Every structure is written in structure tokens, then in C-alpha cells.
Amino acid sequence: MIWPLRRKSKKRMARIIIEGPITGSTRKLVLKAIRQVEEREFPALLLRIDSPGGTVGDSQEIHAALLRIREKGCHVVASFGNVSASGGVYVGVAADKIVANSGTITGSIGVILRGNNLSKLLERVGIRFETVKSGPYKDILSPDRALTTEERELLQSLIDSSYSQFVNAVAEGRSLSREEVCSFADGRVFTGEQAKELGLVDELGDEEHAIKLAAKLADLDEKNIRPITFGRPKKKLMGLIPGGSILSNLLGLLELDLLKNGQVLWLFRP
């Protein structure tokens, strides 16, 4: 049996874009792209992030995949765009280096969990839920009632655990102590300039600056680098109309609000 030869790209640079909320569809697209970069043995990867964050598990899987590709010799540089916050930061700290524009909105390190208490509204319109459950917490965050004290404590412990994971990842990725990270990891956002002072960002600059930095790390010719982009989403009709990308991002945020209600999120909510 003759095995197909893999095309090696030892003199080239790969580029992956993470744009919009991080959801399951984002994870699938990005992980597939990382596998392609790994198979073709690119020595450098430019990770362009313009995202407010999103679901915890999806952010963690992308983060883990980036660490694995770095272990195999690929230098990763993250370039923060307009917004790279919360889960976007979590993904970014898996890179060797981070470059941000001076005005980039970043930070928002923290966890949020939302539920809707519609009990007053349901009572007003005469709707009542009948619930049969196997345990006292099975219908936690049910919209027809408020949280009990015990439920609130249980959810807070869940949030605290997720927050600790976030802080640990930032501390390890940015070579900071937990105490240093906790001093600013309270949900607040920063400009790229402020983030650099805190140690969240290595250098200030645009995507071109990040490309040159990645080339330097991988010992490539900075003048002749043309990154190959992987993981581009298939073009949809919305992408062909004026303002389609903005509308697409808004729909992504709406998806998180409607479909991910009651789920732990690493998400910047302006």
C-alpha cells in the first residue's frame, strides 16, 4: 500500500482566525484547522482572535490543542483584534507570545452563569409548572422559581472552581503568580496598553507586527512570509450582504443568550 505524502511547510506560516463568540461550531472549525497545521508541520502559527469569549469547555479544548501543537515545535503568536476578552484571553494565553493593538479591549477574566426567574410573570398569566425530580437540585435554575440559599451556594462553588481554572491558565501562560492574576481578574476590561502593563500582553502592534514576531521565533524570513489561512468558515448568504459580518456576530451572541442559558460562560458582556 502506498501512503500519500504529507506536504511539509517548514518555510511557511499558518494563520487561524477565531472571530465572534466561542461556541461548539467555533471549536470544531478551529480544532480541524490546528490538525491541518500540525499535519503539514508548519513551524509557526499566527492566531488572530477577535472574540468576546464564550463557552468554557470549547475554550478549554482550543487552549489544549494549541499547547499540544507548541509541544511539537510550532511557535504560536496570538494577535488580539478589536476585542479579545474572557474566553478569548483563555485561548490566547496558550500562545508563546501575545500582540495586541493599543486600543484592543481585553481582560474580562471571570465566569458568569445566568438564569431567568420568570415566576412573577408566569403567575400573572396563570402558568404553573409541575415538576417531578430525582433529587433536590435536578431543576436548579428553573425559570418558574427563585434559587434557594443552598442552590445559590452550590452554583457559587461551581463558579469558583471554573474561575480557579481560568486564573491558573492565565498565570501559567503568562508566567505570573496566582496573586498577580487575581489582583486584576475581577471581570474588568482593559485596553491593550493597560494589558501590557499588567503582563497579559507581550507587545503592542497590529497583525503584521504579530506575523513578524512569529517569523522571528521560528527563524523565518520576515520579508517573504505570506501566512496560509486555515479554518475559514464556509461563506453564507449573510456574508455577501453589507454589514453581514456584524449581524452574524450579533446572532452568535443571541445564540449564547437563548441556547446557553444556565451554562457557565467565559464571556464578556458589554
Protein backbone atom coordinates (compact mmCIF):
# COMPACT_ATOMS: atom_id res chain seq x y z
CA MET A 1 0.00 0.00 0.00
CA ILE A 2 1.36 3.43 -0.95
CA TRP A 3 0.76 6.11 1.66
CA PRO A 4 0.15 9.68 0.41
CA LEU A 5 3.00 12.05 1.18
CA ARG A 6 2.24 14.87 3.60
CA ARG A 7 3.08 18.30 2.35
CA LYS A 8 5.52 19.83 4.76
CA SER A 9 5.55 23.59 5.22
CA LYS A 10 8.73 24.18 7.13
CA LYS A 11 9.37 27.55 5.50
CA ARG A 12 5.83 28.88 5.79
CA MET A 13 3.46 30.23 8.38
CA ALA A 14 -0.12 29.19 9.14
CA ARG A 15 -2.91 31.50 10.22
CA ILE A 16 -6.14 30.68 12.08
CA ILE A 17 -8.88 33.19 12.80
CA ILE A 18 -11.18 32.99 15.83
CA GLU A 19 -13.93 35.52 15.27
CA GLY A 20 -17.14 36.05 17.21
CA PRO A 21 -18.43 34.11 20.24
CA ILE A 22 -16.67 30.83 21.00
CA THR A 23 -19.25 28.06 20.65
CA GLY A 24 -19.27 24.41 19.62
CA SER A 25 -19.15 25.30 15.94
CA THR A 26 -16.11 27.54 16.56
CA ARG A 27 -14.35 24.71 18.38
CA LYS A 28 -14.92 22.21 15.57
CA LEU A 29 -13.63 24.63 12.95
CA VAL A 30 -10.54 25.65 14.92
CA LEU A 31 -9.57 22.14 16.03
CA LYS A 32 -9.78 20.91 12.43
CA ALA A 33 -7.55 23.80 11.34
CA ILE A 34 -5.00 23.06 14.08
CA ARG A 35 -4.83 19.42 12.95
CA GLN A 36 -4.10 20.57 9.40
CA VAL A 37 -1.34 22.87 10.64
CA GLU A 38 0.13 20.00 12.64
CA GLU A 39 -0.01 17.53 9.73
CA ARG A 40 1.78 19.92 7.40
CA GLU A 41 4.38 20.69 10.07
CA PHE A 42 4.22 24.46 9.97
CA PRO A 43 6.94 25.98 12.15
CA ALA A 44 4.80 29.00 13.05
CA LEU A 45 1.13 29.79 13.61
CA LEU A 46 -0.46 33.23 13.74
CA LEU A 47 -3.66 33.04 15.80
CA ARG A 48 -5.90 36.02 15.11
CA ILE A 49 -8.50 36.46 17.88
CA ASP A 50 -11.44 38.85 17.73
CA SER A 51 -13.83 37.31 20.22
CA PRO A 52 -15.66 38.22 23.45
CA GLY A 53 -15.26 34.63 24.65
CA GLY A 54 -17.96 32.03 25.08
CA THR A 55 -18.48 28.54 26.44
CA VAL A 56 -15.95 27.13 28.90
CA GLY A 57 -15.45 23.63 27.51
CA ASP A 58 -14.98 24.83 23.94
CA SER A 59 -12.42 27.44 25.02
CA GLN A 60 -10.54 24.82 27.03
CA GLU A 61 -10.34 22.36 24.12
CA ILE A 62 -8.89 25.01 21.79
CA HIS A 63 -6.42 26.03 24.50
CA ALA A 64 -5.30 22.42 24.99
CA ALA A 65 -4.86 21.86 21.24
CA LEU A 66 -2.64 24.94 20.98
CA LEU A 67 -0.44 23.72 23.82
CA ARG A 68 -0.07 20.34 22.09
CA ILE A 69 0.98 21.88 18.78
CA ARG A 70 3.53 24.02 20.61
CA GLU A 71 4.99 20.89 22.20
CA LYS A 72 5.58 19.56 18.68
CA GLY A 73 7.69 22.56 17.74
CA CYS A 74 5.20 25.03 16.27
CA HIS A 75 5.65 28.59 17.52
CA VAL A 76 2.28 30.26 18.22
CA VAL A 77 1.72 34.01 18.36
CA ALA A 78 -1.71 35.38 19.22
CA SER A 79 -2.84 38.66 17.66
CA PHE A 80 -5.71 40.37 19.51
CA GLY A 81 -8.06 42.35 17.27
CA ASN A 82 -10.83 44.73 18.34
CA VAL A 83 -11.94 42.54 21.25
CA SER A 84 -10.25 39.55 22.82
CA ALA A 85 -11.83 39.07 26.19
CA SER A 86 -12.70 36.36 28.69
CA GLY A 87 -12.63 33.05 26.76
CA GLY A 88 -10.68 34.87 24.05
CA VAL A 89 -7.99 35.61 26.64
CA TYR A 90 -8.06 31.98 27.83
CA VAL A 91 -7.36 30.79 24.28
CA GLY A 92 -4.72 33.49 23.75
CA VAL A 93 -2.62 32.62 26.80
CA ALA A 94 -1.85 29.24 25.20
CA ALA A 95 0.38 31.10 22.72
CA ASP A 96 4.12 31.73 23.04
CA LYS A 97 3.57 35.46 22.69
CA ILE A 98 0.58 37.84 22.56
CA VAL A 99 0.39 41.02 20.49
CA ALA A 100 -2.48 43.48 20.88
CA ASN A 101 -3.39 46.84 19.45
CA SER A 102 -3.05 49.62 22.00
CA GLY A 103 -6.83 50.10 21.90
CA THR A 104 -7.83 46.42 21.90
CA ILE A 105 -10.49 45.59 24.51
CA THR A 106 -9.26 42.64 26.53
CA GLY A 107 -9.40 41.20 30.03
CA SER A 108 -12.83 40.34 31.50
CA ILE A 109 -11.24 37.39 33.27
CA GLY A 110 -14.05 35.76 35.16
CA VAL A 111 -17.07 33.48 34.98
CA ILE A 112 -20.76 34.16 34.53
CA LEU A 113 -23.81 31.96 34.93
CA ARG A 114 -27.25 33.31 34.17
CA GLY A 115 -30.73 32.01 34.69
CA ASN A 116 -34.14 33.62 34.33
CA ASN A 117 -36.61 33.88 37.19
CA LEU A 118 -39.95 34.29 35.43
CA SER A 119 -42.10 33.24 38.39
CA LYS A 120 -43.89 36.60 38.73
CA LEU A 121 -44.65 36.77 35.02
CA LEU A 122 -45.85 33.16 34.90
CA GLU A 123 -48.05 33.75 37.91
CA ARG A 124 -49.57 36.80 36.27
CA VAL A 125 -50.54 34.90 33.13
CA GLY A 126 -51.72 31.86 35.06
CA ILE A 127 -48.99 29.37 34.14
CA ARG A 128 -47.69 26.86 36.69
CA PHE A 129 -45.04 24.17 36.24
CA GLU A 130 -45.48 20.70 37.72
CA THR A 131 -42.07 19.13 38.38
CA VAL A 132 -41.14 15.57 39.30
CA LYS A 133 -37.42 15.16 40.02
CA SER A 134 -34.97 12.58 41.31
CA GLY A 135 -33.04 14.95 43.56
CA PRO A 136 -33.38 18.37 45.21
CA TYR A 137 -31.09 20.09 42.70
CA LYS A 138 -32.31 18.49 39.46
CA ASP A 139 -34.33 21.56 38.44
CA ILE A 140 -31.78 24.12 39.57
CA LEU A 141 -32.17 27.44 37.67
CA SER A 142 -35.70 26.50 36.68
CA PRO A 143 -37.37 29.68 35.35
CA ASP A 144 -40.54 29.26 37.41
CA ARG A 145 -38.94 29.92 40.80
CA ALA A 146 -36.14 31.71 42.60
CA LEU A 147 -32.95 29.97 43.72
CA THR A 148 -32.85 28.60 47.26
CA THR A 149 -29.95 29.52 49.54
CA GLU A 150 -28.50 26.02 49.15
CA GLU A 151 -28.75 26.17 45.35
CA ARG A 152 -27.03 29.55 45.24
CA GLU A 153 -24.16 28.21 47.36
CA LEU A 154 -23.85 25.15 45.11
CA LEU A 155 -23.70 27.26 41.95
CA GLN A 156 -21.22 29.64 43.55
CA SER A 157 -18.88 26.71 44.25
CA LEU A 158 -19.21 25.75 40.58
CA ILE A 159 -18.33 29.29 39.51
CA ASP A 160 -15.40 29.40 41.94
CA SER A 161 -13.96 26.17 40.52
CA SER A 162 -14.24 27.43 36.94
CA TYR A 163 -12.72 30.76 37.95
CA SER A 164 -9.78 29.00 39.60
CA GLN A 165 -9.12 27.06 36.38
CA PHE A 166 -9.15 30.32 34.43
CA VAL A 167 -6.73 32.04 36.83
CA ASN A 168 -4.36 29.06 36.78
CA ALA A 169 -4.27 29.04 32.98
CA VAL A 170 -3.53 32.76 32.79
CA ALA A 171 -0.87 32.54 35.50
CA GLU A 172 0.86 29.63 33.78
CA GLY A 173 0.56 31.02 30.26
CA ARG A 174 1.77 34.48 31.18
CA SER A 175 4.38 33.43 33.79
CA LEU A 176 2.58 35.33 36.54
CA SER A 177 1.74 34.29 40.09
CA ARG A 178 -1.86 33.50 41.04
CA GLU A 179 -1.81 36.51 43.33
CA GLU A 180 -0.80 38.80 40.46
CA VAL A 181 -3.56 37.45 38.24
CA CYS A 182 -6.21 37.63 40.98
CA SER A 183 -5.37 41.30 41.54
CA PHE A 184 -6.94 42.17 38.17
CA ALA A 185 -9.04 39.07 37.36
CA ASP A 186 -12.30 40.51 38.64
CA GLY A 187 -14.18 40.86 35.37
CA ARG A 188 -12.89 44.31 34.45
CA VAL A 189 -11.71 45.04 30.91
CA PHE A 190 -8.53 46.76 29.76
CA THR A 191 -7.08 48.38 26.69
CA GLY A 192 -4.18 46.61 25.05
CA GLU A 193 -1.88 49.25 26.51
CA GLN A 194 -3.12 48.56 30.04
CA ALA A 195 -2.94 44.81 29.47
CA LYS A 196 0.73 45.12 28.52
CA GLU A 197 1.47 46.88 31.81
CA LEU A 198 -0.23 44.00 33.66
CA GLY A 199 1.68 41.32 31.77
CA LEU A 200 -1.32 39.99 29.83
CA VAL A 201 0.21 41.14 26.54
CA ASP A 202 3.84 40.98 25.37
CA GLU A 203 3.91 43.65 22.68
CA LEU A 204 1.70 46.33 21.16
CA GLY A 205 1.13 46.24 17.43
CA ASP A 206 -1.13 45.16 14.60
CA GLU A 207 -1.44 41.76 12.93
CA GLU A 208 1.53 42.47 10.68
CA HIS A 209 3.66 43.06 13.77
CA ALA A 210 2.48 39.71 15.15
CA ILE A 211 3.40 37.96 11.88
CA LYS A 212 6.93 39.35 12.05
CA LEU A 213 7.24 38.26 15.67
CA ALA A 214 6.11 34.71 14.79
CA ALA A 215 8.61 34.63 11.91
CA LYS A 216 11.40 35.70 14.24
CA LEU A 217 10.52 32.99 16.78
CA ALA A 218 10.53 30.33 14.05
CA ASP A 219 13.66 31.71 12.35
CA LEU A 220 11.81 32.51 9.11
CA ASP A 221 12.42 35.28 6.60
CA GLU A 222 10.20 38.11 7.84
CA LYS A 223 10.15 39.85 4.44
CA ASN A 224 8.79 36.93 2.43
CA ILE A 225 6.21 35.47 4.82
CA ARG A 226 2.69 35.04 3.49
CA PRO A 227 0.61 33.16 6.07
CA ILE A 228 -1.77 30.47 4.80
CA THR A 229 -5.17 30.75 6.46
CA PHE A 230 -6.88 27.59 7.72
CA GLY A 231 -10.35 27.08 9.14
CA ARG A 232 -12.22 29.71 7.19
CA PRO A 233 -15.96 29.20 7.71
CA LYS A 234 -17.96 28.45 4.59
CA LYS A 235 -19.34 31.62 3.08
CA LYS A 236 -23.04 32.03 3.71
CA LEU A 237 -25.51 34.37 2.07
CA MET A 238 -25.28 36.69 5.09
CA GLY A 239 -21.58 37.21 4.42
CA LEU A 240 -22.34 38.62 0.99
CA ILE A 241 -24.58 41.46 2.17
CA PRO A 242 -23.37 44.80 3.63
CA GLY A 243 -22.98 44.53 7.41
CA GLY A 244 -23.43 40.77 7.22
CA SER A 245 -20.45 40.01 9.47
CA ILE A 246 -21.77 42.33 12.18
CA LEU A 247 -25.19 40.73 12.00
CA SER A 248 -23.60 37.29 12.13
CA ASN A 249 -21.74 38.19 15.34
CA LEU A 250 -24.94 39.54 16.90
CA LEU A 251 -26.72 36.31 16.06
CA GLY A 252 -23.87 34.39 17.68
CA LEU A 253 -24.32 36.38 20.90
CA LEU A 254 -28.07 35.82 20.71
CA GLU A 255 -27.40 32.09 20.40
CA LEU A 256 -25.43 32.19 23.64
CA ASP A 257 -28.23 34.07 25.38
CA LEU A 258 -31.03 31.82 24.18
CA LEU A 259 -29.43 28.39 23.85
CA LYS A 260 -26.76 28.57 26.54
CA ASN A 261 -28.92 29.99 29.31
CA GLY A 262 -27.94 28.25 32.54
CA GLN A 263 -24.47 27.34 31.25
CA VAL A 264 -21.20 28.51 32.75
CA LEU A 265 -19.57 31.02 30.39
CA TRP A 266 -16.26 32.78 30.00
CA LEU A 267 -17.85 35.70 28.18
CA PHE A 268 -17.51 39.48 28.09
CA ARG A 269 -20.99 41.02 28.12
CA PRO A 270 -20.80 44.75 27.35
